[in-house]
Full PDB file with SEQRES, HELIX, SHEET, SSBOND, CRYST1, ORIGX, SCALE, CONECT and MASTER records, all heavy atoms in Angstrom:
SEQRES   1 A   34  SER SER ALA GLN GLU ARG ALA PHE LEU LEU ALA HIS ASP          
SEQRES   2 A   34  THR ASP PRO PHE ASN ARG TRP GLU ALA SER ARG ALA MET          
SEQRES   3 A   34  ALA VAL ASP VAL LEU LEU GLY ALA                              
HELIX    1 AA1 ALA A    3  HIS A   12  1                                  10    
HELIX    2 AA2 PRO A   16  LEU A   31  1                                  16    
CRYST1    1.000    1.000    1.000  90.00  90.00  90.00 P 1           1          
ORIGX1      1.000000  0.000000  0.000000        0.00000                         
ORIGX2      0.000000  1.000000  0.000000        0.00000                         
ORIGX3      0.000000  0.000000  1.000000        0.00000                         
SCALE1      1.000000  0.000000  0.000000        0.00000                         
SCALE2      0.000000  1.000000  0.000000        0.00000                         
SCALE3      0.000000  0.000000  1.000000        0.00000                         
ATOM      1  N   SER A   1       7.549  35.330  45.666  1.00  0.00           N  
ATOM      2  CA  SER A   1       7.026  34.013  45.354  1.00  0.00           C  
ATOM      3  C   SER A   1       6.583  33.973  43.902  1.00  0.00           C  
ATOM      4  O   SER A   1       6.210  35.003  43.316  1.00  0.00           O  
ATOM      5  CB  SER A   1       5.855  33.661  46.265  1.00  0.00           C  
ATOM      6  OG  SER A   1       4.779  34.585  46.101  1.00  0.00           O  
ATOM      7  N   SER A   2       6.631  32.789  43.317  1.00  0.00           N  
ATOM      8  CA  SER A   2       6.278  32.634  41.913  1.00  0.00           C  
ATOM      9  C   SER A   2       4.834  32.298  41.752  1.00  0.00           C  
ATOM     10  O   SER A   2       4.138  31.913  42.694  1.00  0.00           O  
ATOM     11  CB  SER A   2       7.132  31.515  41.289  1.00  0.00           C  
ATOM     12  OG  SER A   2       6.823  30.266  41.896  1.00  0.00           O  
ATOM     13  N   ALA A   3       4.341  32.435  40.498  1.00  0.00           N  
ATOM     14  CA  ALA A   3       2.967  32.042  40.196  1.00  0.00           C  
ATOM     15  C   ALA A   3       2.749  30.549  40.462  1.00  0.00           C  
ATOM     16  O   ALA A   3       1.684  30.129  40.933  1.00  0.00           O  
ATOM     17  CB  ALA A   3       2.625  32.397  38.733  1.00  0.00           C  
ATOM     18  N   GLN A   4       3.768  29.751  40.172  1.00  0.00           N  
ATOM     19  CA  GLN A   4       3.649  28.313  40.409  1.00  0.00           C  
ATOM     20  C   GLN A   4       3.489  27.980  41.902  1.00  0.00           C  
ATOM     21  O   GLN A   4       2.709  27.113  42.279  1.00  0.00           O  
ATOM     22  CB  GLN A   4       4.879  27.587  39.825  1.00  0.00           C  
ATOM     23  CG  GLN A   4       4.966  27.571  38.305  1.00  0.00           C  
ATOM     24  CD  GLN A   4       5.314  28.932  37.730  1.00  0.00           C  
ATOM     25  OE1 GLN A   4       5.892  29.789  38.411  1.00  0.00           O  
ATOM     26  NE2 GLN A   4       4.985  29.146  36.438  1.00  0.00           N  
ATOM     27  N   GLU A   5       4.223  28.705  42.733  1.00  0.00           N  
ATOM     28  CA  GLU A   5       4.134  28.466  44.169  1.00  0.00           C  
ATOM     29  C   GLU A   5       2.754  28.891  44.685  1.00  0.00           C  
ATOM     30  O   GLU A   5       2.144  28.197  45.514  1.00  0.00           O  
ATOM     31  CB  GLU A   5       5.229  29.247  44.904  1.00  0.00           C  
ATOM     32  CG  GLU A   5       5.247  28.966  46.408  1.00  0.00           C  
ATOM     33  CD  GLU A   5       6.343  29.713  47.105  1.00  0.00           C  
ATOM     34  OE1 GLU A   5       7.481  29.213  47.058  1.00  0.00           O  
ATOM     35  OE2 GLU A   5       6.055  30.793  47.663  1.00  0.00           O  
ATOM     36  N   ARG A   6       2.267  30.004  44.225  1.00  0.00           N  
ATOM     37  CA  ARG A   6       0.933  30.453  44.652  1.00  0.00           C  
ATOM     38  C   ARG A   6      -0.128  29.496  44.178  1.00  0.00           C  
ATOM     39  O   ARG A   6      -1.097  29.219  44.889  1.00  0.00           O  
ATOM     40  CB  ARG A   6       0.660  31.853  44.117  1.00  0.00           C  
ATOM     41  CG  ARG A   6       1.499  32.943  44.792  1.00  0.00           C  
ATOM     42  CD  ARG A   6       1.373  34.280  44.090  1.00  0.00           C  
ATOM     43  NE  ARG A   6       2.099  35.333  44.780  1.00  0.00           N  
ATOM     44  CZ  ARG A   6       2.331  36.524  44.273  1.00  0.00           C  
ATOM     45  NH1 ARG A   6       1.892  36.818  43.083  1.00  0.00           N  
ATOM     46  NH2 ARG A   6       2.978  37.434  44.977  1.00  0.00           N  
ATOM     47  N   ALA A   7       0.033  28.990  42.954  1.00  0.00           N  
ATOM     48  CA  ALA A   7      -0.916  28.003  42.440  1.00  0.00           C  
ATOM     49  C   ALA A   7      -0.897  26.747  43.311  1.00  0.00           C  
ATOM     50  O   ALA A   7      -1.965  26.143  43.572  1.00  0.00           O  
ATOM     51  CB  ALA A   7      -0.612  27.675  40.996  1.00  0.00           C  
ATOM     52  N   PHE A   8       0.270  26.338  43.761  1.00  0.00           N  
ATOM     53  CA  PHE A   8       0.401  25.188  44.640  1.00  0.00           C  
ATOM     54  C   PHE A   8      -0.346  25.388  45.955  1.00  0.00           C  
ATOM     55  O   PHE A   8      -1.062  24.506  46.429  1.00  0.00           O  
ATOM     56  CB  PHE A   8       1.882  24.890  44.898  1.00  0.00           C  
ATOM     57  CG  PHE A   8       2.158  23.734  45.794  1.00  0.00           C  
ATOM     58  CD1 PHE A   8       2.196  22.457  45.301  1.00  0.00           C  
ATOM     59  CD2 PHE A   8       2.335  23.946  47.159  1.00  0.00           C  
ATOM     60  CE1 PHE A   8       2.440  21.373  46.157  1.00  0.00           C  
ATOM     61  CE2 PHE A   8       2.577  22.874  48.022  1.00  0.00           C  
ATOM     62  CZ  PHE A   8       2.621  21.588  47.506  1.00  0.00           C  
ATOM     63  N   LEU A   9      -0.168  26.584  46.545  1.00  0.00           N  
ATOM     64  CA  LEU A   9      -0.855  26.876  47.812  1.00  0.00           C  
ATOM     65  C   LEU A   9      -2.345  26.933  47.617  1.00  0.00           C  
ATOM     66  O   LEU A   9      -3.131  26.452  48.451  1.00  0.00           O  
ATOM     67  CB  LEU A   9      -0.343  28.214  48.355  1.00  0.00           C  
ATOM     68  CG  LEU A   9       1.093  28.262  48.877  1.00  0.00           C  
ATOM     69  CD1 LEU A   9       1.516  29.639  49.272  1.00  0.00           C  
ATOM     70  CD2 LEU A   9       1.265  27.293  50.058  1.00  0.00           C  
ATOM     71  N   LEU A  10      -2.799  27.502  46.493  1.00  0.00           N  
ATOM     72  CA  LEU A  10      -4.235  27.557  46.223  1.00  0.00           C  
ATOM     73  C   LEU A  10      -4.795  26.161  46.091  1.00  0.00           C  
ATOM     74  O   LEU A  10      -5.931  25.891  46.537  1.00  0.00           O  
ATOM     75  CB  LEU A  10      -4.501  28.378  44.947  1.00  0.00           C  
ATOM     76  CG  LEU A  10      -5.900  28.395  44.381  1.00  0.00           C  
ATOM     77  CD1 LEU A  10      -6.900  28.875  45.432  1.00  0.00           C  
ATOM     78  CD2 LEU A  10      -5.965  29.288  43.161  1.00  0.00           C  
ATOM     79  N   ALA A  11      -4.052  25.256  45.504  1.00  0.00           N  
ATOM     80  CA  ALA A  11      -4.553  23.916  45.291  1.00  0.00           C  
ATOM     81  C   ALA A  11      -4.414  23.026  46.512  1.00  0.00           C  
ATOM     82  O   ALA A  11      -5.242  22.117  46.717  1.00  0.00           O  
ATOM     83  CB  ALA A  11      -3.807  23.261  44.104  1.00  0.00           C  
ATOM     84  N   HIS A  12      -3.391  23.247  47.373  1.00  0.00           N  
ATOM     85  CA  HIS A  12      -3.086  22.282  48.417  1.00  0.00           C  
ATOM     86  C   HIS A  12      -3.078  22.793  49.870  1.00  0.00           C  
ATOM     87  O   HIS A  12      -3.165  21.983  50.776  1.00  0.00           O  
ATOM     88  CB  HIS A  12      -1.696  21.655  48.147  1.00  0.00           C  
ATOM     89  CG  HIS A  12      -1.607  20.948  46.848  1.00  0.00           C  
ATOM     90  ND1 HIS A  12      -2.247  19.751  46.613  1.00  0.00           N  
ATOM     91  CD2 HIS A  12      -0.959  21.253  45.713  1.00  0.00           C  
ATOM     92  CE1 HIS A  12      -1.996  19.351  45.361  1.00  0.00           C  
ATOM     93  NE2 HIS A  12      -1.207  20.235  44.801  1.00  0.00           N  
ATOM     94  N   ASP A  13      -2.948  24.094  50.055  1.00  0.00           N  
ATOM     95  CA  ASP A  13      -2.798  24.585  51.429  1.00  0.00           C  
ATOM     96  C   ASP A  13      -4.067  24.280  52.240  1.00  0.00           C  
ATOM     97  O   ASP A  13      -5.190  24.379  51.746  1.00  0.00           O  
ATOM     98  CB  ASP A  13      -2.583  26.100  51.416  1.00  0.00           C  
ATOM     99  CG  ASP A  13      -1.956  26.588  52.708  1.00  0.00           C  
ATOM    100  OD1 ASP A  13      -1.914  25.829  53.685  1.00  0.00           O  
ATOM    101  OD2 ASP A  13      -1.496  27.733  52.733  1.00  0.00           O  
ATOM    102  N   THR A  14      -3.857  23.876  53.493  1.00  0.00           N  
ATOM    103  CA  THR A  14      -5.001  23.569  54.355  1.00  0.00           C  
ATOM    104  C   THR A  14      -5.515  24.809  55.097  1.00  0.00           C  
ATOM    105  O   THR A  14      -6.550  24.726  55.766  1.00  0.00           O  
ATOM    106  CB  THR A  14      -4.591  22.525  55.408  1.00  0.00           C  
ATOM    107  OG1 THR A  14      -3.473  23.001  56.147  1.00  0.00           O  
ATOM    108  CG2 THR A  14      -4.232  21.202  54.737  1.00  0.00           C  
ATOM    109  N   ASP A  15      -4.805  25.905  54.991  1.00  0.00           N  
ATOM    110  CA  ASP A  15      -5.226  27.130  55.669  1.00  0.00           C  
ATOM    111  C   ASP A  15      -6.103  27.954  54.747  1.00  0.00           C  
ATOM    112  O   ASP A  15      -5.659  28.383  53.670  1.00  0.00           O  
ATOM    113  CB  ASP A  15      -3.998  27.948  56.080  1.00  0.00           C  
ATOM    114  CG  ASP A  15      -4.397  29.210  56.820  1.00  0.00           C  
ATOM    115  OD1 ASP A  15      -4.896  29.105  57.949  1.00  0.00           O  
ATOM    116  OD2 ASP A  15      -4.219  30.311  56.249  1.00  0.00           O  
ATOM    117  N   PRO A  16      -7.339  28.188  55.138  1.00  0.00           N  
ATOM    118  CA  PRO A  16      -8.263  28.927  54.251  1.00  0.00           C  
ATOM    119  C   PRO A  16      -7.796  30.323  53.907  1.00  0.00           C  
ATOM    120  O   PRO A  16      -7.967  30.771  52.759  1.00  0.00           O  
ATOM    121  CB  PRO A  16      -9.587  28.953  55.063  1.00  0.00           C  
ATOM    122  CG  PRO A  16      -9.486  27.814  56.041  1.00  0.00           C  
ATOM    123  CD  PRO A  16      -8.017  27.721  56.348  1.00  0.00           C  
ATOM    124  N   PHE A  17      -7.237  31.041  54.893  1.00  0.00           N  
ATOM    125  CA  PHE A  17      -6.827  32.401  54.609  1.00  0.00           C  
ATOM    126  C   PHE A  17      -5.720  32.428  53.566  1.00  0.00           C  
ATOM    127  O   PHE A  17      -5.793  33.206  52.578  1.00  0.00           O  
ATOM    128  CB  PHE A  17      -6.329  33.113  55.858  1.00  0.00           C  
ATOM    129  CG  PHE A  17      -5.742  34.479  55.597  1.00  0.00           C  
ATOM    130  CD1 PHE A  17      -6.559  35.556  55.391  1.00  0.00           C  
ATOM    131  CD2 PHE A  17      -4.362  34.637  55.531  1.00  0.00           C  
ATOM    132  CE1 PHE A  17      -6.035  36.811  55.098  1.00  0.00           C  
ATOM    133  CE2 PHE A  17      -3.812  35.882  55.264  1.00  0.00           C  
ATOM    134  CZ  PHE A  17      -4.674  36.978  55.048  1.00  0.00           C  
ATOM    135  N   ASN A  18      -4.706  31.607  53.720  1.00  0.00           N  
ATOM    136  CA  ASN A  18      -3.591  31.629  52.758  1.00  0.00           C  
ATOM    137  C   ASN A  18      -3.999  31.087  51.395  1.00  0.00           C  
ATOM    138  O   ASN A  18      -3.451  31.514  50.373  1.00  0.00           O  
ATOM    139  CB  ASN A  18      -2.412  30.819  53.309  1.00  0.00           C  
ATOM    140  CG  ASN A  18      -1.544  31.670  54.243  1.00  0.00           C  
ATOM    141  OD1 ASN A  18      -1.796  32.845  54.391  1.00  0.00           O  
ATOM    142  ND2 ASN A  18      -0.550  31.046  54.845  1.00  0.00           N  
ATOM    143  N   ARG A  19      -4.952  30.167  51.395  1.00  0.00           N  
ATOM    144  CA  ARG A  19      -5.456  29.669  50.099  1.00  0.00           C  
ATOM    145  C   ARG A  19      -6.138  30.814  49.344  1.00  0.00           C  
ATOM    146  O   ARG A  19      -5.910  30.997  48.152  1.00  0.00           O  
ATOM    147  CB  ARG A  19      -6.437  28.531  50.377  1.00  0.00           C  
ATOM    148  CG  ARG A  19      -6.532  27.523  49.259  1.00  0.00           C  
ATOM    149  CD  ARG A  19      -7.248  26.273  49.729  1.00  0.00           C  
ATOM    150  NE  ARG A  19      -7.137  25.212  48.727  1.00  0.00           N  
ATOM    151  CZ  ARG A  19      -7.566  23.984  48.918  1.00  0.00           C  
ATOM    152  NH1 ARG A  19      -8.085  23.629  50.061  1.00  0.00           N  
ATOM    153  NH2 ARG A  19      -7.441  23.067  47.941  1.00  0.00           N  
ATOM    154  N   TRP A  20      -6.972  31.562  50.081  1.00  0.00           N  
ATOM    155  CA  TRP A  20      -7.625  32.704  49.445  1.00  0.00           C  
ATOM    156  C   TRP A  20      -6.620  33.769  49.052  1.00  0.00           C  
ATOM    157  O   TRP A  20      -6.700  34.362  47.958  1.00  0.00           O  
ATOM    158  CB  TRP A  20      -8.669  33.300  50.404  1.00  0.00           C  
ATOM    159  CG  TRP A  20      -9.294  34.534  49.895  1.00  0.00           C  
ATOM    160  CD1 TRP A  20     -10.339  34.661  49.036  1.00  0.00           C  
ATOM    161  CD2 TRP A  20      -8.878  35.894  50.204  1.00  0.00           C  
ATOM    162  NE1 TRP A  20     -10.602  35.988  48.799  1.00  0.00           N  
ATOM    163  CE2 TRP A  20      -9.718  36.771  49.492  1.00  0.00           C  
ATOM    164  CE3 TRP A  20      -7.884  36.429  51.008  1.00  0.00           C  
ATOM    165  CZ2 TRP A  20      -9.600  38.140  49.567  1.00  0.00           C  
ATOM    166  CZ3 TRP A  20      -7.759  37.824  51.106  1.00  0.00           C  
ATOM    167  CH2 TRP A  20      -8.631  38.655  50.383  1.00  0.00           C  
ATOM    168  N   GLU A  21      -5.657  34.049  49.940  1.00  0.00           N  
ATOM    169  CA  GLU A  21      -4.645  35.064  49.674  1.00  0.00           C  
ATOM    170  C   GLU A  21      -3.844  34.703  48.409  1.00  0.00           C  
ATOM    171  O   GLU A  21      -3.499  35.580  47.577  1.00  0.00           O  
ATOM    172  CB  GLU A  21      -3.716  35.205  50.857  1.00  0.00           C  
ATOM    173  CG  GLU A  21      -2.673  36.282  50.737  1.00  0.00           C  
ATOM    174  CD  GLU A  21      -3.228  37.667  50.945  1.00  0.00           C  
ATOM    175  OE1 GLU A  21      -4.438  37.813  51.241  1.00  0.00           O  
ATOM    176  OE2 GLU A  21      -2.453  38.635  50.800  1.00  0.00           O  
ATOM    177  N   ALA A  22      -3.550  33.407  48.227  1.00  0.00           N  
ATOM    178  CA  ALA A  22      -2.812  32.972  47.043  1.00  0.00           C  
ATOM    179  C   ALA A  22      -3.636  33.224  45.770  1.00  0.00           C  
ATOM    180  O   ALA A  22      -3.113  33.676  44.758  1.00  0.00           O  
ATOM    181  CB  ALA A  22      -2.452  31.496  47.168  1.00  0.00           C  
ATOM    182  N   SER A  23      -4.910  32.918  45.847  1.00  0.00           N  
ATOM    183  CA  SER A  23      -5.755  33.126  44.653  1.00  0.00           C  
ATOM    184  C   SER A  23      -5.865  34.610  44.340  1.00  0.00           C  
ATOM    185  O   SER A  23      -5.858  35.008  43.175  1.00  0.00           O  
ATOM    186  CB  SER A  23      -7.163  32.533  44.897  1.00  0.00           C  
ATOM    187  OG  SER A  23      -7.922  33.310  45.810  1.00  0.00           O  
ATOM    188  N   ARG A  24      -5.981  35.418  45.390  1.00  0.00           N  
ATOM    189  CA  ARG A  24      -6.082  36.872  45.184  1.00  0.00           C  
ATOM    190  C   ARG A  24      -4.825  37.417  44.557  1.00  0.00           C  
ATOM    191  O   ARG A  24      -4.881  38.242  43.587  1.00  0.00           O  
ATOM    192  CB  ARG A  24      -6.327  37.535  46.516  1.00  0.00           C  
ATOM    193  CG  ARG A  24      -7.041  38.874  46.472  1.00  0.00           C  
ATOM    194  CD  ARG A  24      -8.470  38.669  46.123  1.00  0.00           C  
ATOM    195  NE  ARG A  24      -9.236  39.922  46.237  1.00  0.00           N  
ATOM    196  CZ  ARG A  24     -10.476  40.011  45.864  1.00  0.00           C  
ATOM    197  NH1 ARG A  24     -11.128  38.988  45.369  1.00  0.00           N  
ATOM    198  NH2 ARG A  24     -11.138  41.184  45.977  1.00  0.00           N  
ATOM    199  N   ALA A  25      -3.670  37.027  45.067  1.00  0.00           N  
ATOM    200  CA  ALA A  25      -2.390  37.535  44.548  1.00  0.00           C  
ATOM    201  C   ALA A  25      -2.183  37.091  43.102  1.00  0.00           C  
ATOM    202  O   ALA A  25      -1.688  37.873  42.260  1.00  0.00           O  
ATOM    203  CB  ALA A  25      -1.232  37.035  45.424  1.00  0.00           C  
ATOM    204  N   MET A  26      -2.570  35.853  42.766  1.00  0.00           N  
ATOM    205  CA  MET A  26      -2.421  35.387  41.402  1.00  0.00           C  
ATOM    206  C   MET A  26      -3.329  36.144  40.468  1.00  0.00           C  
ATOM    207  O   MET A  26      -2.937  36.530  39.366  1.00  0.00           O  
ATOM    208  CB  MET A  26      -2.756  33.867  41.345  1.00  0.00           C  
ATOM    209  CG  MET A  26      -1.747  32.987  41.985  1.00  0.00           C  
ATOM    210  SD  MET A  26      -2.144  31.243  41.746  1.00  0.00           S  
ATOM    211  CE  MET A  26      -1.796  31.060  39.995  1.00  0.00           C  
ATOM    212  N   ALA A  27      -4.567  36.378  40.896  1.00  0.00           N  
ATOM    213  CA  ALA A  27      -5.507  37.118  40.049  1.00  0.00           C  
ATOM    214  C   ALA A  27      -5.023  38.524  39.772  1.00  0.00           C  
ATOM    215  O   ALA A  27      -5.113  39.042  38.644  1.00  0.00           O  
ATOM    216  CB  ALA A  27      -6.868  37.142  40.701  1.00  0.00           C  
ATOM    217  N   VAL A  28      -4.466  39.190  40.807  1.00  0.00           N  
ATOM    218  CA  VAL A  28      -3.924  40.529  40.640  1.00  0.00           C  
ATOM    219  C   VAL A  28      -2.813  40.518  39.607  1.00  0.00           C  
ATOM    220  O   VAL A  28      -2.757  41.377  38.709  1.00  0.00           O  
ATOM    221  CB  VAL A  28      -3.439  41.104  41.992  1.00  0.00           C  
ATOM    222  CG1 VAL A  28      -2.594  42.364  41.780  1.00  0.00           C  
ATOM    223  CG2 VAL A  28      -4.604  41.403  42.896  1.00  0.00           C  
ATOM    224  N   ASP A  29      -1.893  39.571  39.694  1.00  0.00           N  
ATOM    225  CA  ASP A  29      -0.784  39.486  38.722  1.00  0.00           C  
ATOM    226  C   ASP A  29      -1.274  39.232  37.325  1.00  0.00           C  
ATOM    227  O   ASP A  29      -0.745  39.790  36.347  1.00  0.00           O  
ATOM    228  CB  ASP A  29       0.180  38.386  39.170  1.00  0.00           C  
ATOM    229  CG  ASP A  29       1.093  38.818  40.329  1.00  0.00           C  
ATOM    230  OD1 ASP A  29       1.132  40.018  40.617  1.00  0.00           O  
ATOM    231  OD2 ASP A  29       1.719  37.948  40.941  1.00  0.00           O  
ATOM    232  N   VAL A  30      -2.292  38.375  37.200  1.00  0.00           N  
ATOM    233  CA  VAL A  30      -2.846  38.101  35.864  1.00  0.00           C  
ATOM    234  C   VAL A  30      -3.469  39.371  35.286  1.00  0.00           C  
ATOM    235  O   VAL A  30      -3.256  39.727  34.117  1.00  0.00           O  
ATOM    236  CB  VAL A  30      -3.895  36.972  35.932  1.00  0.00           C  
ATOM    237  CG1 VAL A  30      -4.645  36.857  34.608  1.00  0.00           C  
ATOM    238  CG2 VAL A  30      -3.216  35.641  36.265  1.00  0.00           C  
ATOM    239  N   LEU A  31      -4.244  40.068  36.102  1.00  0.00           N  
ATOM    240  CA  LEU A  31      -4.929  41.285  35.646  1.00  0.00           C  
ATOM    241  C   LEU A  31      -3.963  42.397  35.292  1.00  0.00           C  
ATOM    242  O   LEU A  31      -4.227  43.230  34.439  1.00  0.00           O  
ATOM    243  CB  LEU A  31      -5.920  41.756  36.696  1.00  0.00           C  
ATOM    244  CG  LEU A  31      -7.141  40.853  36.895  1.00  0.00           C  
ATOM    245  CD1 LEU A  31      -7.955  41.267  38.108  1.00  0.00           C  
ATOM    246  CD2 LEU A  31      -8.021  40.844  35.656  1.00  0.00           C  
ATOM    247  N   LEU A  32      -2.799  42.418  35.965  1.00  0.00           N  
ATOM    248  CA  LEU A  32      -1.805  43.420  35.668  1.00  0.00           C  
ATOM    249  C   LEU A  32      -0.855  42.979  34.523  1.00  0.00           C  
ATOM    250  O   LEU A  32       0.073  43.689  34.175  1.00  0.00           O  
ATOM    251  CB  LEU A  32      -0.959  43.724  36.903  1.00  0.00           C  
ATOM    252  CG  LEU A  32      -1.722  44.475  38.023  1.00  0.00           C  
ATOM    253  CD1 LEU A  32      -0.811  44.662  39.245  1.00  0.00           C  
ATOM    254  CD2 LEU A  32      -2.243  45.809  37.555  1.00  0.00           C  
ATOM    255  N   GLY A  33      -1.098  41.788  33.998  1.00  0.00           N  
ATOM    256  CA  GLY A  33      -0.291  41.307  32.882  1.00  0.00           C  
ATOM    257  C   GLY A  33       1.073  40.788  33.301  1.00  0.00           C  
ATOM    258  O   GLY A  33       1.958  40.606  32.458  1.00  0.00           O  
ATOM    259  N   ALA A  34       1.265  40.547  34.608  1.00  0.00           N  
ATOM    260  CA  ALA A  34       2.566  40.071  35.088  1.00  0.00           C  
ATOM    261  C   ALA A  34       2.761  38.603  34.923  1.00  0.00           C  
ATOM    262  O   ALA A  34       3.884  38.096  35.013  1.00  0.00           O  
ATOM    263  CB  ALA A  34       2.730  40.451  36.577  1.00  0.00           C  
TER     264      ALA A  34                                                      
MASTER        0    0    0    2    0    0    0    6  263    1    0    3          
END                                                                             
């Protein structure tokens, strides 16, 4: 999945777990410079 897709889920998903999971995955990629 792309950063844009994860950002979309973080902004719009109604499921709390997946919203949090998207934010976590994006933060990991940012911190790793990806």
